[in-house]
Protein backbone atom coordinates (compact mmCIF):
# COMPACT_ATOMS: atom_id res chain seq x y z
CA MET A 1 14.25 -5.82 -19.49
CA LEU A 2 13.24 -9.53 -17.67
CA HIS A 3 15.54 -10.77 -15.58
CA ILE A 4 14.34 -14.30 -14.98
CA ILE A 5 15.88 -16.09 -11.55
CA PRO A 6 15.71 -19.30 -10.06
CA ARG A 7 14.45 -19.80 -6.77
CA LYS A 8 13.82 -22.11 -4.45
CA GLN A 9 12.12 -21.79 -1.46
CA GLY A 10 14.44 -20.87 1.72
CA ASP A 11 17.32 -19.74 -1.31
CA ASN A 12 17.20 -16.55 1.33
CA ILE A 13 17.50 -13.92 -1.89
CA ASN A 14 15.56 -10.68 -0.98
CA LEU A 15 14.29 -8.99 -4.34
CA GLN A 16 12.47 -6.53 -2.05
CA LEU A 17 13.41 -3.25 -3.45
CA PRO A 18 14.16 -0.81 -1.04
CA THR A 19 11.45 2.39 -1.30
CA ILE A 20 13.08 5.99 -1.43
CA ARG A 21 11.61 9.40 -1.29
CA LEU A 22 12.98 12.20 -3.17
CA SER A 23 12.81 15.81 -2.71
CA LYS A 24 11.08 17.36 -5.36
CA ALA A 25 14.21 19.94 -6.55
CA ASP A 26 15.69 15.97 -6.92
CA MET A 27 12.77 15.04 -8.45
CA ASN A 28 13.00 17.90 -10.95
CA ALA A 29 16.55 17.76 -11.95
CA ILE A 30 15.75 14.32 -12.89
CA VAL A 31 12.66 15.61 -14.94
CA GLN A 32 15.02 18.26 -16.55
CA LYS A 33 18.11 15.49 -17.70
CA ILE A 34 15.04 12.83 -18.70
CA ALA A 35 13.30 15.50 -20.90
CA PRO A 36 15.45 15.15 -24.48
CA GLY A 37 15.29 11.47 -24.73
CA ILE A 38 11.28 11.10 -24.28
CA LYS A 39 10.91 14.45 -26.55
CA LYS A 40 13.71 12.37 -28.67
CA GLN A 41 11.73 9.32 -28.64
CA PHE A 42 8.10 9.97 -27.76
CA GLY A 43 7.70 13.52 -29.05
CA VAL A 44 6.43 14.84 -26.61
CA ASN A 45 8.11 17.54 -24.05
CA PRO A 46 7.47 16.17 -20.81
CA LEU A 47 8.16 19.63 -19.70
CA GLU A 48 4.75 20.53 -21.28
CA TYR A 49 2.53 18.39 -19.40
CA SER A 50 1.68 17.16 -15.97
CA ALA A 51 1.73 13.58 -15.63
CA LYS A 52 -2.86 13.90 -15.20
CA THR A 53 -2.95 15.76 -18.32
CA ILE A 54 -0.73 12.78 -20.18
CA ALA A 55 -2.75 10.10 -18.23
CA ASP A 56 -6.27 11.86 -19.35
CA LYS A 57 -4.88 12.09 -23.40
CA GLU A 58 -2.72 9.05 -23.81
CA VAL A 59 -0.23 11.95 -25.53
CA LEU A 60 2.61 8.85 -25.34
CA LYS A 61 0.68 6.28 -26.97
CA LYS A 62 1.79 5.22 -30.32
CA GLU A 63 -0.75 3.72 -32.93
């Protein structure tokens, strides 16, 4: 999704996204909740792969 926001110099609109640190427990809870959707959309269970494995083998890349 892409939002196009017209801007002009000095409009005082702050579009800087805040940085939020999540604990490992919170991150794991999020992964547990989104894993079924990822498996349905991409045919891969993210709980079976580390991020490095996915990046190295390009598991999620569709041809």
